[in-house]
Every structure is written in C-alpha cells, then in structure tokens.
Amino acid sequence: MMTSLTLPDIAIQSHPQTLPLDWVGMCGIALPLQCEGRTVSAHADAGVNLENNTTRGIHMSRLYLALEDLENTELNPRHLRRLLANFLASHEGLSSAAYASFRFDHLLKRPALISPLAGWKSYPVSLNAKLENEMFHVELSVVIPYSSTCPCSAALARQLVQQQFLKDFPEQVPDQSTLLEWLGSSHGIVATPHSQRSRAHVRVRLQDNLQQLPLTELIDNMERALGTAVQTAVKRADEQAFALANGQNLMFCEDAARRLHQALRNTEWAAGFYVRVEHAESLHAHDAVATSRYQF
C-alpha cells in the first residue's frame, strides 16, 4: 500500500536571503466584471506586500481564487474592500497591505445632438484599490475624448474675414441679401480656426464610504464641463450643432484643465483628483498639455 505524501510547499519555506518586498502578485489576469448592471471583459492585477522576512514567497493561487467573488457581484468600493480583506486574511502573518487594479472599456450609447441617431462610445477605465493598516482607498480613472478649438486661431481667422470684407466692400456696407451671400461663400469666409481631437485623463480618489462606483456619472460630469464631447452617428444637423458647440467653447488646454478641475471640486464623492488634458495639435507636430490636482 502506497503512503500518501504531503505535497511540498516551497513558497513558505525559509530562505537564507529573504528580504521584505513591497508588492508580490500577478498582473494581467483575465476575468469578467459586473459594472453598472453589465458584464465587462477586464484584466486585473492582484498582490500583497511580503513583510515576513523568513518566508520565501506568497500564496498566489489564493489571490487568484479570491477574485472569483467579483464575477457575479456589482463592482463597487464596498466589495473591493472585502476582496482586499480576503487577500490579507489568506496571508495572515505574511502581509499587511493588499492591492488590486482593474482595466476595462466602458461602453456608453450616446445620442446625437439634434437627430434621433445614437451610437456607442468606448471609455478606457482603470480602478485601483489599496488596503493597509485598516486604511482603504479607491482611485477611479477614465480617459474622455473631446474636441478643442484654439481661441488664438479663431481670433486670427476672424481678423482675416474682416480684412476680406473691407477688401470686397471698400466703400459701403452691402444690402442684406448680398451680405448673406458673401457670408455663405468660401470667398467671404477665407479662414477657419483649427480644431483638434483631445483627451482628458481624469483620476479621482473616491470617498471611503461610497457604496456605488460613479463611473457613468463621472464621465457625464466631465463631458458637460467640456461642452464638446466627440460624437458617434450624426446627420448634417448634428454636425452643424457640433460646429456651434466648438465655436461657443473655444479653449486652450489650460482652459480645459480648469473646467474639469472646477467640476470635480463640486463633486461630493471626489476626495481628491488628478487631471491631465492633451490637445493633439493640428498646427504643430507636438501636443499641448496641462495638468491639475487637488489633495493628491
């Protein structure tokens, strides 16, 4: 009769060269998450610190299996805190800090500005959580695309239009029909301001007692503050309305960063934030960038 042998656990054996480590775990774990009532395909990083200087390694499989609790549970700060507490409970005596991060795309169906059309937009999202010495915090990050029209370029274009008007009508102001025809011609509007597709990277530290993940609310707030969110399916009326929105929201990258900063300062569930806006210049071969932060 064969004797049943206990399988060796090399990770917990002592090692003569062990040192405490800040983070040990796994990256790029594929898993489904429940976000705002829908299943999203995500990738997760999971880890703990290793402060016991007599132990060679951690139990990575325990972290992996603990992530299964999120498969059928709504993703929110409360459940993330429970997850990290499970990480630490499974590494009692080894670790005092636990970490988890998640990356996925958040799909939202957005209506056109005027017509009844609608289409999907994808927002890259990341979520980072940490629990250490009973201190817990969650950071929610999202990338939001928008359009930005340069105020300087708009002013220069208007000046060229004025100069063309004086050239075409040097002696007297034309009658209304002639003026309307001139304004609607490429000969009259000789210059237009340059616009660029831009991106806002917003990272928010959520209030500790928050029971929901305010992802769509965060995106909506940021797009309202900017006023020029990129569109999906459009008709000509929507494109015209978009041109109007850009004309009424001329902004340098500094203006965009200040708008987002003020909107986040008025958000109750934001304990702190970091904002970075990038305007992919159509005039230059480089980007214009501005950042702002609050209690971060």
C-alpha atoms as a PDB file:
ATOM      1  CA  MET A   1       0.000   0.000   0.000  1.00  0.00           C
ATOM      2  CA  MET A   2       1.416   3.375  -1.065  1.00  0.00           C
ATOM      3  CA  THR A   3       1.858   6.032   1.592  1.00  0.00           C
ATOM      4  CA  SER A   4       0.134   9.333   0.860  1.00  0.00           C
ATOM      5  CA  LEU A   5       2.700  12.112   0.926  1.00  0.00           C
ATOM      6  CA  THR A   6       2.017  15.748   1.672  1.00  0.00           C
ATOM      7  CA  LEU A   7       2.761  17.900  -1.342  1.00  0.00           C
ATOM      8  CA  PRO A   8       5.701  20.235  -0.710  1.00  0.00           C
ATOM      9  CA  ASP A   9       5.013  23.971  -0.299  1.00  0.00           C
ATOM     10  CA  ILE A  10       8.302  25.589  -1.253  1.00  0.00           C
ATOM     11  CA  ALA A  11       6.914  29.139  -1.023  1.00  0.00           C
ATOM     12  CA  ILE A  12       6.514  29.080   2.750  1.00  0.00           C
ATOM     13  CA  GLN A  13       9.909  27.570   3.432  1.00  0.00           C
ATOM     14  CA  SER A  14      12.512  29.856   4.940  1.00  0.00           C
ATOM     15  CA  HIS A  15      15.301  31.089   2.739  1.00  0.00           C
ATOM     16  CA  PRO A  16      18.682  32.478   3.809  1.00  0.00           C
ATOM     17  CA  GLN A  17      18.407  35.512   1.510  1.00  0.00           C
ATOM     18  CA  THR A  18      14.801  36.608   2.126  1.00  0.00           C
ATOM     19  CA  LEU A  19      14.000  40.333   2.325  1.00  0.00           C
ATOM     20  CA  PRO A  20      10.672  42.145   2.771  1.00  0.00           C
ATOM     21  CA  LEU A  21       9.035  43.083  -0.533  1.00  0.00           C
ATOM     22  CA  ASP A  22       6.631  45.950  -1.312  1.00  0.00           C
ATOM     23  CA  TRP A  23       4.465  44.093  -3.822  1.00  0.00           C
ATOM     24  CA  VAL A  24       4.152  40.472  -4.889  1.00  0.00           C
ATOM     25  CA  GLY A  25       1.373  39.085  -7.027  1.00  0.00           C
ATOM     26  CA  MET A  26       0.046  38.678 -10.560  1.00  0.00           C
ATOM     27  CA  CYS A  27      -0.668  41.025 -13.462  1.00  0.00           C
ATOM     28  CA  GLY A  28      -2.942  40.722 -16.474  1.00  0.00           C
ATOM     29  CA  ILE A  29      -5.497  38.285 -15.019  1.00  0.00           C
ATOM     30  CA  ALA A  30      -8.484  37.985 -17.372  1.00  0.00           C
ATOM     31  CA  LEU A  31     -11.894  37.999 -15.708  1.00  0.00           C
ATOM     32  CA  PRO A  32     -15.468  39.225 -16.202  1.00  0.00           C
ATOM     33  CA  LEU A  33     -16.717  42.064 -14.008  1.00  0.00           C
ATOM     34  CA  GLN A  34     -20.189  43.400 -13.298  1.00  0.00           C
ATOM     35  CA  CYS A  35     -20.256  47.156 -13.850  1.00  0.00           C
ATOM     36  CA  GLU A  36     -23.490  49.163 -13.734  1.00  0.00           C
ATOM     37  CA  GLY A  37     -25.573  46.092 -14.494  1.00  0.00           C
ATOM     38  CA  ARG A  38     -23.478  44.822 -17.407  1.00  0.00           C
ATOM     39  CA  THR A  39     -20.679  42.291 -17.799  1.00  0.00           C
ATOM     40  CA  VAL A  40     -17.373  43.719 -18.990  1.00  0.00           C
ATOM     41  CA  SER A  41     -14.204  41.934 -20.037  1.00  0.00           C
ATOM     42  CA  ALA A  42     -11.424  43.103 -17.733  1.00  0.00           C
ATOM     43  CA  HIS A  43      -7.826  42.458 -16.772  1.00  0.00           C
ATOM     44  CA  ALA A  44      -6.770  42.560 -13.149  1.00  0.00           C
ATOM     45  CA  ASP A  45      -3.579  42.885 -11.121  1.00  0.00           C
ATOM     46  CA  ALA A  46      -3.630  41.400  -7.621  1.00  0.00           C
ATOM     47  CA  GLY A  47      -0.948  41.488  -4.960  1.00  0.00           C
ATOM     48  CA  VAL A  48       0.131  41.898  -1.371  1.00  0.00           C
ATOM     49  CA  ASN A  49       3.289  43.031   0.335  1.00  0.00           C
ATOM     50  CA  LEU A  50       5.590  40.439   1.916  1.00  0.00           C
ATOM     51  CA  GLU A  51       6.858  41.764   5.215  1.00  0.00           C
ATOM     52  CA  ASN A  52       7.747  38.441   6.821  1.00  0.00           C
ATOM     53  CA  ASN A  53      11.481  38.194   6.215  1.00  0.00           C
ATOM     54  CA  THR A  54      11.627  34.476   6.934  1.00  0.00           C
ATOM     55  CA  THR A  55       9.213  33.414   4.178  1.00  0.00           C
ATOM     56  CA  ARG A  56      10.278  32.884   0.587  1.00  0.00           C
ATOM     57  CA  GLY A  57       7.016  33.706  -1.186  1.00  0.00           C
ATOM     58  CA  ILE A  58       3.247  34.251  -1.042  1.00  0.00           C
ATOM     59  CA  HIS A  59       0.264  32.050  -1.983  1.00  0.00           C
ATOM     60  CA  MET A  60      -0.591  33.485  -5.401  1.00  0.00           C
ATOM     61  CA  SER A  61      -3.342  30.965  -6.062  1.00  0.00           C
ATOM     62  CA  ARG A  62      -5.247  32.302  -3.052  1.00  0.00           C
ATOM     63  CA  LEU A  63      -5.313  35.769  -4.599  1.00  0.00           C
ATOM     64  CA  TYR A  64      -6.429  34.358  -7.931  1.00  0.00           C
ATOM     65  CA  LEU A  65      -9.279  32.371  -6.394  1.00  0.00           C
ATOM     66  CA  ALA A  66     -10.423  35.327  -4.283  1.00  0.00           C
ATOM     67  CA  LEU A  67     -11.077  37.298  -7.470  1.00  0.00           C
ATOM     68  CA  GLU A  68     -13.909  34.882  -8.307  1.00  0.00           C
ATOM     69  CA  ASP A  69     -16.091  36.765  -5.804  1.00  0.00           C
ATOM     70  CA  LEU A  70     -16.280  39.661  -8.274  1.00  0.00           C
ATOM     71  CA  GLU A  71     -17.627  37.621 -11.193  1.00  0.00           C
ATOM     72  CA  ASN A  72     -21.262  37.865 -10.097  1.00  0.00           C
ATOM     73  CA  THR A  73     -21.052  40.893  -7.792  1.00  0.00           C
ATOM     74  CA  GLU A  74     -21.507  44.536  -8.752  1.00  0.00           C
ATOM     75  CA  LEU A  75     -18.157  46.284  -8.850  1.00  0.00           C
ATOM     76  CA  ASN A  76     -18.095  48.949  -6.146  1.00  0.00           C
ATOM     77  CA  PRO A  77     -15.797  50.202  -3.360  1.00  0.00           C
ATOM     78  CA  ARG A  78     -17.511  48.125  -0.669  1.00  0.00           C
ATOM     79  CA  HIS A  79     -16.869  44.857  -2.487  1.00  0.00           C
ATOM     80  CA  LEU A  80     -13.325  45.878  -3.321  1.00  0.00           C
ATOM     81  CA  ARG A  81     -12.599  46.432   0.352  1.00  0.00           C
ATOM     82  CA  ARG A  82     -13.953  42.961   1.108  1.00  0.00           C
ATOM     83  CA  LEU A  83     -11.770  41.497  -1.637  1.00  0.00           C
ATOM     84  CA  LEU A  84      -8.619  43.066  -0.236  1.00  0.00           C
ATOM     85  CA  ALA A  85      -9.546  41.958   3.275  1.00  0.00           C
ATOM     86  CA  ASN A  86      -9.730  38.407   1.899  1.00  0.00           C
ATOM     87  CA  PHE A  87      -6.273  38.844   0.380  1.00  0.00           C
ATOM     88  CA  LEU A  88      -4.876  39.730   3.802  1.00  0.00           C
ATOM     89  CA  ALA A  89      -6.808  37.010   5.642  1.00  0.00           C
ATOM     90  CA  SER A  90      -5.309  34.413   3.311  1.00  0.00           C
ATOM     91  CA  HIS A  91      -1.829  35.780   4.048  1.00  0.00           C
ATOM     92  CA  GLU A  92      -2.090  36.300   7.795  1.00  0.00           C
ATOM     93  CA  GLY A  93       1.334  36.679   9.308  1.00  0.00           C
ATOM     94  CA  LEU A  94       2.888  37.406   5.918  1.00  0.00           C
ATOM     95  CA  SER A  95       1.323  40.622   4.649  1.00  0.00           C
ATOM     96  CA  SER A  96      -0.085  43.902   5.946  1.00  0.00           C
ATOM     97  CA  ALA A  97      -1.099  45.560   2.664  1.00  0.00           C
ATOM     98  CA  ALA A  98      -3.204  44.355  -0.257  1.00  0.00           C
ATOM     99  CA  TYR A  99      -3.658  45.782  -3.740  1.00  0.00           C
ATOM    100  CA  ALA A 100      -5.932  45.231  -6.725  1.00  0.00           C
ATOM    101  CA  SER A 101      -6.348  47.054 -10.020  1.00  0.00           C
ATOM    102  CA  PHE A 102      -8.686  46.525 -12.955  1.00  0.00           C
ATOM    103  CA  ARG A 103      -8.707  47.733 -16.556  1.00  0.00           C
ATOM    104  CA  PHE A 104     -11.611  47.606 -18.974  1.00  0.00           C
ATOM    105  CA  ASP A 105     -13.526  49.620 -21.564  1.00  0.00           C
ATOM    106  CA  HIS A 106     -16.811  51.193 -20.501  1.00  0.00           C
ATOM    107  CA  LEU A 107     -19.316  51.338 -23.379  1.00  0.00           C
ATOM    108  CA  LEU A 108     -21.992  54.026 -23.362  1.00  0.00           C
ATOM    109  CA  LYS A 109     -24.610  54.646 -26.034  1.00  0.00           C
ATOM    110  CA  ARG A 110     -24.667  58.354 -26.775  1.00  0.00           C
ATOM    111  CA  PRO A 111     -27.442  60.270 -28.552  1.00  0.00           C
ATOM    112  CA  ALA A 112     -26.713  62.690 -31.392  1.00  0.00           C
ATOM    113  CA  LEU A 113     -27.009  66.407 -30.655  1.00  0.00           C
ATOM    114  CA  ILE A 114     -30.107  67.040 -32.805  1.00  0.00           C
ATOM    115  CA  SER A 115     -31.239  63.986 -34.776  1.00  0.00           C
ATOM    116  CA  PRO A 116     -32.649  60.766 -33.260  1.00  0.00           C
ATOM    117  CA  LEU A 117     -29.464  58.852 -34.090  1.00  0.00           C
ATOM    118  CA  ALA A 118     -27.266  57.279 -31.417  1.00  0.00           C
ATOM    119  CA  GLY A 119     -24.036  55.304 -31.257  1.00  0.00           C
ATOM    120  CA  TRP A 120     -21.601  53.638 -28.871  1.00  0.00           C
ATOM    121  CA  LYS A 121     -18.533  55.249 -27.338  1.00  0.00           C
ATOM    122  CA  SER A 122     -15.785  53.381 -25.532  1.00  0.00           C
ATOM    123  CA  TYR A 123     -14.062  54.905 -22.497  1.00  0.00           C
ATOM    124  CA  PRO A 124     -10.861  53.275 -21.160  1.00  0.00           C
ATOM    125  CA  VAL A 125     -11.237  52.769 -17.401  1.00  0.00           C
ATOM    126  CA  SER A 126      -8.891  51.713 -14.621  1.00  0.00           C
ATOM    127  CA  LEU A 127      -9.685  51.104 -10.965  1.00  0.00           C
ATOM    128  CA  ASN A 128      -7.048  50.843  -8.245  1.00  0.00           C
ATOM    129  CA  ALA A 129      -7.671  49.811  -4.642  1.00  0.00           C
ATOM    130  CA  LYS A 130      -5.383  49.515  -1.614  1.00  0.00           C
ATOM    131  CA  LEU A 131      -5.922  48.314   1.966  1.00  0.00           C
ATOM    132  CA  GLU A 132      -3.156  48.812   4.521  1.00  0.00           C
ATOM    133  CA  ASN A 133      -3.394  49.012   8.301  1.00  0.00           C
ATOM    134  CA  GLU A 134      -7.201  49.385   8.045  1.00  0.00           C
ATOM    135  CA  MET A 135      -6.747  52.359   5.702  1.00  0.00           C
ATOM    136  CA  PHE A 136      -8.619  51.816   2.443  1.00  0.00           C
ATOM    137  CA  HIS A 137      -8.882  53.942  -0.685  1.00  0.00           C
ATOM    138  CA  VAL A 138     -10.017  53.530  -4.276  1.00  0.00           C
ATOM    139  CA  GLU A 139      -8.951  55.534  -7.324  1.00  0.00           C
ATOM    140  CA  LEU A 140     -11.118  55.608 -10.443  1.00  0.00           C
ATOM    141  CA  SER A 141      -9.535  56.703 -13.744  1.00  0.00           C
ATOM    142  CA  VAL A 142     -11.094  57.305 -17.142  1.00  0.00           C
ATOM    143  CA  VAL A 143      -9.987  58.732 -20.495  1.00  0.00           C
ATOM    144  CA  ILE A 144     -12.505  61.059 -22.183  1.00  0.00           C
ATOM    145  CA  PRO A 145     -12.128  62.217 -25.813  1.00  0.00           C
ATOM    146  CA  TYR A 146     -13.357  65.659 -26.828  1.00  0.00           C
ATOM    147  CA  SER A 147     -12.833  68.367 -29.439  1.00  0.00           C
ATOM    148  CA  SER A 148     -10.988  71.621 -28.795  1.00  0.00           C
ATOM    149  CA  THR A 149     -10.878  74.721 -30.991  1.00  0.00           C
ATOM    150  CA  CYS A 150      -7.948  77.096 -30.479  1.00  0.00           C
ATOM    151  CA  PRO A 151      -9.044  80.597 -29.309  1.00  0.00           C
ATOM    152  CA  CYS A 152      -5.967  82.201 -30.888  1.00  0.00           C
ATOM    153  CA  SER A 153      -6.638  80.539 -34.229  1.00  0.00           C
ATOM    154  CA  ALA A 154     -10.299  81.636 -34.057  1.00  0.00           C
ATOM    155  CA  ALA A 155      -9.310  85.256 -33.457  1.00  0.00           C
ATOM    156  CA  LEU A 156      -6.797  85.208 -36.325  1.00  0.00           C
ATOM    157  CA  ALA A 157      -9.394  83.680 -38.649  1.00  0.00           C
ATOM    158  CA  ARG A 158     -11.947  86.350 -37.717  1.00  0.00           C
ATOM    159  CA  GLN A 159      -9.400  89.060 -38.491  1.00  0.00           C
ATOM    160  CA  LEU A 160      -8.789  87.630 -41.959  1.00  0.00           C
ATOM    161  CA  VAL A 161     -12.530  87.558 -42.615  1.00  0.00           C
ATOM    162  CA  GLN A 162     -12.747  91.213 -41.549  1.00  0.00           C
ATOM    163  CA  GLN A 163      -9.906  92.133 -43.886  1.00  0.00           C
ATOM    164  CA  GLN A 164     -11.565  90.288 -46.758  1.00  0.00           C
ATOM    165  CA  PHE A 165     -14.836  92.125 -46.054  1.00  0.00           C
ATOM    166  CA  LEU A 166     -13.101  95.508 -46.265  1.00  0.00           C
ATOM    167  CA  LYS A 167     -11.396  94.445 -49.465  1.00  0.00           C
ATOM    168  CA  ASP A 168     -14.642  93.286 -51.110  1.00  0.00           C
ATOM    169  CA  PHE A 169     -16.758  96.219 -49.847  1.00  0.00           C
ATOM    170  CA  PRO A 170     -14.392  99.178 -49.505  1.00  0.00           C
ATOM    171  CA  GLU A 171     -16.949 101.943 -49.842  1.00  0.00           C
ATOM    172  CA  GLN A 172     -20.246 100.888 -48.272  1.00  0.00           C
ATOM    173  CA  VAL A 173     -21.924  98.076 -46.399  1.00  0.00           C
ATOM    174  CA  PRO A 174     -23.800  95.792 -48.816  1.00  0.00           C
ATOM    175  CA  ASP A 175     -27.502  95.099 -48.575  1.00  0.00           C
ATOM    176  CA  GLN A 176     -28.708  92.113 -46.563  1.00  0.00           C
ATOM    177  CA  SER A 177     -29.044  89.631 -49.439  1.00  0.00           C
ATOM    178  CA  THR A 178     -25.570  90.472 -50.761  1.00  0.00           C
ATOM    179  CA  LEU A 179     -24.082  90.198 -47.278  1.00  0.00           C
ATOM    180  CA  LEU A 180     -25.741  86.810 -46.653  1.00  0.00           C
ATOM    181  CA  GLU A 181     -24.423  85.521 -49.964  1.00  0.00           C
ATOM    182  CA  TRP A 182     -20.935  86.753 -49.086  1.00  0.00           C
ATOM    183  CA  LEU A 183     -21.021  85.155 -45.622  1.00  0.00           C
ATOM    184  CA  GLY A 184     -22.070  81.840 -47.128  1.00  0.00           C
ATOM    185  CA  SER A 185     -19.283  81.743 -49.702  1.00  0.00           C
ATOM    186  CA  SER A 186     -15.767  80.436 -49.416  1.00  0.00           C
ATOM    187  CA  HIS A 187     -14.638  83.723 -50.905  1.00  0.00           C
ATOM    188  CA  GLY A 188     -16.014  85.589 -47.892  1.00  0.00           C
ATOM    189  CA  ILE A 189     -15.037  83.191 -45.124  1.00  0.00           C
ATOM    190  CA  VAL A 190     -11.429  82.919 -46.195  1.00  0.00           C
ATOM    191  CA  ALA A 191     -10.115  81.342 -42.977  1.00  0.00           C
ATOM    192  CA  THR A 192     -11.321  78.951 -40.300  1.00  0.00           C
ATOM    193  CA  PRO A 193      -9.835  78.182 -36.874  1.00  0.00           C
ATOM    194  CA  HIS A 194      -8.057  74.892 -36.339  1.00  0.00           C
ATOM    195  CA  SER A 195      -9.507  72.232 -34.036  1.00  0.00           C
ATOM    196  CA  GLN A 196      -8.063  69.022 -32.675  1.00  0.00           C
ATOM    197  CA  ARG A 197      -9.238  65.802 -31.103  1.00  0.00           C
ATOM    198  CA  SER A 198      -8.250  65.983 -27.455  1.00  0.00           C
ATOM    199  CA  ARG A 199      -8.189  63.685 -24.442  1.00  0.00           C
ATOM    200  CA  ALA A 200      -8.813  64.222 -20.755  1.00  0.00           C
ATOM    201  CA  HIS A 201      -7.211  61.763 -18.342  1.00  0.00           C
ATOM    202  CA  VAL A 202      -9.140  62.018 -15.086  1.00  0.00           C
ATOM    203  CA  ARG A 203      -8.162  60.152 -11.906  1.00  0.00           C
ATOM    204  CA  VAL A 204     -10.424  60.511  -8.862  1.00  0.00           C
ATOM    205  CA  ARG A 205      -9.889  59.260  -5.314  1.00  0.00           C
ATOM    206  CA  LEU A 206     -13.308  58.188  -4.133  1.00  0.00           C
ATOM    207  CA  GLN A 207     -14.768  58.805  -0.695  1.00  0.00           C
ATOM    208  CA  ASP A 208     -14.085  55.824   1.595  1.00  0.00           C
ATOM    209  CA  ASN A 209     -17.747  55.273   2.457  1.00  0.00           C
ATOM    210  CA  LEU A 210     -19.002  55.269  -1.142  1.00  0.00           C
ATOM    211  CA  GLN A 211     -21.316  52.337  -1.872  1.00  0.00           C
ATOM    212  CA  GLN A 212     -21.501  52.734  -5.666  1.00  0.00           C
ATOM    213  CA  LEU A 213     -18.981  53.214  -8.441  1.00  0.00           C
ATOM    214  CA  PRO A 214     -19.912  56.570 -10.064  1.00  0.00           C
ATOM    215  CA  LEU A 215     -18.365  55.757 -13.431  1.00  0.00           C
ATOM    216  CA  THR A 216     -21.038  56.996 -15.836  1.00  0.00           C
ATOM    217  CA  GLU A 217     -21.721  59.962 -13.561  1.00  0.00           C
ATOM    218  CA  LEU A 218     -18.041  60.924 -13.696  1.00  0.00           C
ATOM    219  CA  ILE A 219     -17.968  60.720 -17.496  1.00  0.00           C
ATOM    220  CA  ASP A 220     -21.185  62.720 -17.837  1.00  0.00           C
ATOM    221  CA  ASN A 221     -19.906  65.435 -15.499  1.00  0.00           C
ATOM    222  CA  MET A 222     -16.626  65.786 -17.384  1.00  0.00           C
ATOM    223  CA  GLU A 223     -18.303  65.926 -20.805  1.00  0.00           C
ATOM    224  CA  ARG A 224     -20.741  68.585 -19.601  1.00  0.00           C
ATOM    225  CA  ALA A 225     -17.855  70.657 -18.275  1.00  0.00           C
ATOM    226  CA  LEU A 226     -16.014  70.487 -21.594  1.00  0.00           C
ATOM    227  CA  GLY A 227     -19.066  71.009 -23.809  1.00  0.00           C
ATOM    228  CA  THR A 228     -17.535  69.396 -26.909  1.00  0.00           C
ATOM    229  CA  ALA A 229     -17.661  65.628 -26.442  1.00  0.00           C
ATOM    230  CA  VAL A 230     -16.877  63.736 -29.655  1.00  0.00           C
ATOM    231  CA  GLN A 231     -19.896  62.301 -31.445  1.00  0.00           C
ATOM    232  CA  THR A 232     -20.910  58.919 -32.867  1.00  0.00           C
ATOM    233  CA  ALA A 233     -23.633  58.627 -35.533  1.00  0.00           C
ATOM    234  CA  VAL A 234     -24.566  62.051 -36.917  1.00  0.00           C
ATOM    235  CA  LYS A 235     -26.566  63.800 -39.612  1.00  0.00           C
ATOM    236  CA  ARG A 236     -25.720  67.207 -41.049  1.00  0.00           C
ATOM    237  CA  ALA A 237     -27.845  68.936 -38.413  1.00  0.00           C
ATOM    238  CA  ASP A 238     -25.783  67.230 -35.696  1.00  0.00           C
ATOM    239  CA  GLU A 239     -22.532  68.218 -37.396  1.00  0.00           C
ATOM    240  CA  GLN A 240     -23.717  71.816 -37.538  1.00  0.00           C
ATOM    241  CA  ALA A 241     -24.666  71.714 -33.853  1.00  0.00           C
ATOM    242  CA  PHE A 242     -21.215  70.320 -33.098  1.00  0.00           C
ATOM    243  CA  ALA A 243     -19.618  73.201 -35.001  1.00  0.00           C
ATOM    244  CA  LEU A 244     -21.707  75.592 -32.901  1.00  0.00           C
ATOM    245  CA  ALA A 245     -20.625  73.874 -29.674  1.00  0.00           C
ATOM    246  CA  ASN A 246     -16.977  74.217 -30.670  1.00  0.00           C
ATOM    247  CA  GLY A 247     -17.452  77.882 -31.572  1.00  0.00           C
ATOM    248  CA  GLN A 248     -19.025  78.567 -28.177  1.00  0.00           C
ATOM    249  CA  ASN A 249     -16.371  76.602 -26.277  1.00  0.00           C
ATOM    250  CA  LEU A 250     -13.068  77.884 -27.598  1.00  0.00           C
ATOM    251  CA  MET A 251     -10.355  76.609 -25.279  1.00  0.00           C
ATOM    252  CA  PHE A 252      -6.660  76.207 -24.787  1.00  0.00           C
ATOM    253  CA  CYS A 253      -5.523  73.142 -22.874  1.00  0.00           C
ATOM    254  CA  GLU A 254      -5.289  75.408 -19.803  1.00  0.00           C
ATOM    255  CA  ASP A 255      -8.976  76.287 -20.131  1.00  0.00           C
ATOM    256  CA  ALA A 256      -9.981  72.631 -20.414  1.00  0.00           C
ATOM    257  CA  ALA A 257      -7.954  71.654 -17.340  1.00  0.00           C
ATOM    258  CA  ARG A 258      -9.547  74.458 -15.291  1.00  0.00           C
ATOM    259  CA  ARG A 259     -13.059  73.451 -16.378  1.00  0.00           C
ATOM    260  CA  LEU A 260     -12.501  69.869 -15.290  1.00  0.00           C
ATOM    261  CA  HIS A 261     -10.868  70.945 -12.036  1.00  0.00           C
ATOM    262  CA  GLN A 262     -13.833  73.123 -11.090  1.00  0.00           C
ATOM    263  CA  ALA A 263     -16.357  70.426 -11.991  1.00  0.00           C
ATOM    264  CA  LEU A 264     -14.528  67.876  -9.823  1.00  0.00           C
ATOM    265  CA  ARG A 265     -14.256  70.325  -6.909  1.00  0.00           C
ATOM    266  CA  ASN A 266     -18.066  70.480  -6.971  1.00  0.00           C
ATOM    267  CA  THR A 267     -18.378  66.673  -6.856  1.00  0.00           C
ATOM    268  CA  GLU A 268     -19.195  65.396  -3.365  1.00  0.00           C
ATOM    269  CA  TRP A 269     -17.773  61.887  -3.771  1.00  0.00           C
ATOM    270  CA  ALA A 270     -14.342  63.048  -5.019  1.00  0.00           C
ATOM    271  CA  ALA A 271     -11.880  63.105  -2.089  1.00  0.00           C
ATOM    272  CA  GLY A 272      -9.069  64.139  -4.438  1.00  0.00           C
ATOM    273  CA  PHE A 273      -8.237  64.111  -8.131  1.00  0.00           C
ATOM    274  CA  TYR A 274      -5.608  64.495 -10.824  1.00  0.00           C
ATOM    275  CA  VAL A 275      -6.402  65.831 -14.301  1.00  0.00           C
ATOM    276  CA  ARG A 276      -4.252  65.773 -17.432  1.00  0.00           C
ATOM    277  CA  VAL A 277      -5.530  67.140 -20.739  1.00  0.00           C
ATOM    278  CA  GLU A 278      -3.808  66.605 -24.072  1.00  0.00           C
ATOM    279  CA  HIS A 279      -4.617  68.611 -27.188  1.00  0.00           C
ATOM    280  CA  ALA A 280      -3.253  66.816 -30.252  1.00  0.00           C
ATOM    281  CA  GLU A 281      -2.284  69.961 -32.135  1.00  0.00           C
ATOM    282  CA  SER A 282      -3.283  70.284 -35.781  1.00  0.00           C
ATOM    283  CA  LEU A 283      -0.980  73.303 -36.177  1.00  0.00           C
ATOM    284  CA  HIS A 284       2.116  71.794 -34.536  1.00  0.00           C
ATOM    285  CA  ALA A 285       3.710  68.367 -34.645  1.00  0.00           C
ATOM    286  CA  HIS A 286       3.611  68.225 -30.838  1.00  0.00           C
ATOM    287  CA  ASP A 287       0.809  68.157 -28.249  1.00  0.00           C
ATOM    288  CA  ALA A 288      -0.295  70.830 -25.809  1.00  0.00           C
ATOM    289  CA  VAL A 289      -0.690  69.522 -22.247  1.00  0.00           C
ATOM    290  CA  ALA A 290      -1.982  70.857 -18.923  1.00  0.00           C
ATOM    291  CA  THR A 291      -2.392  69.147 -15.548  1.00  0.00           C
ATOM    292  CA  SER A 292      -4.152  69.975 -12.308  1.00  0.00           C
ATOM    293  CA  ARG A 293      -4.619  68.213  -8.989  1.00  0.00           C
ATOM    294  CA  TYR A 294      -6.402  68.547  -5.680  1.00  0.00           C
ATOM    295  CA  GLN A 295      -5.376  66.728  -2.466  1.00  0.00           C
ATOM    296  CA  PHE A 296      -3.446  64.165  -4.481  1.00  0.00           C
END
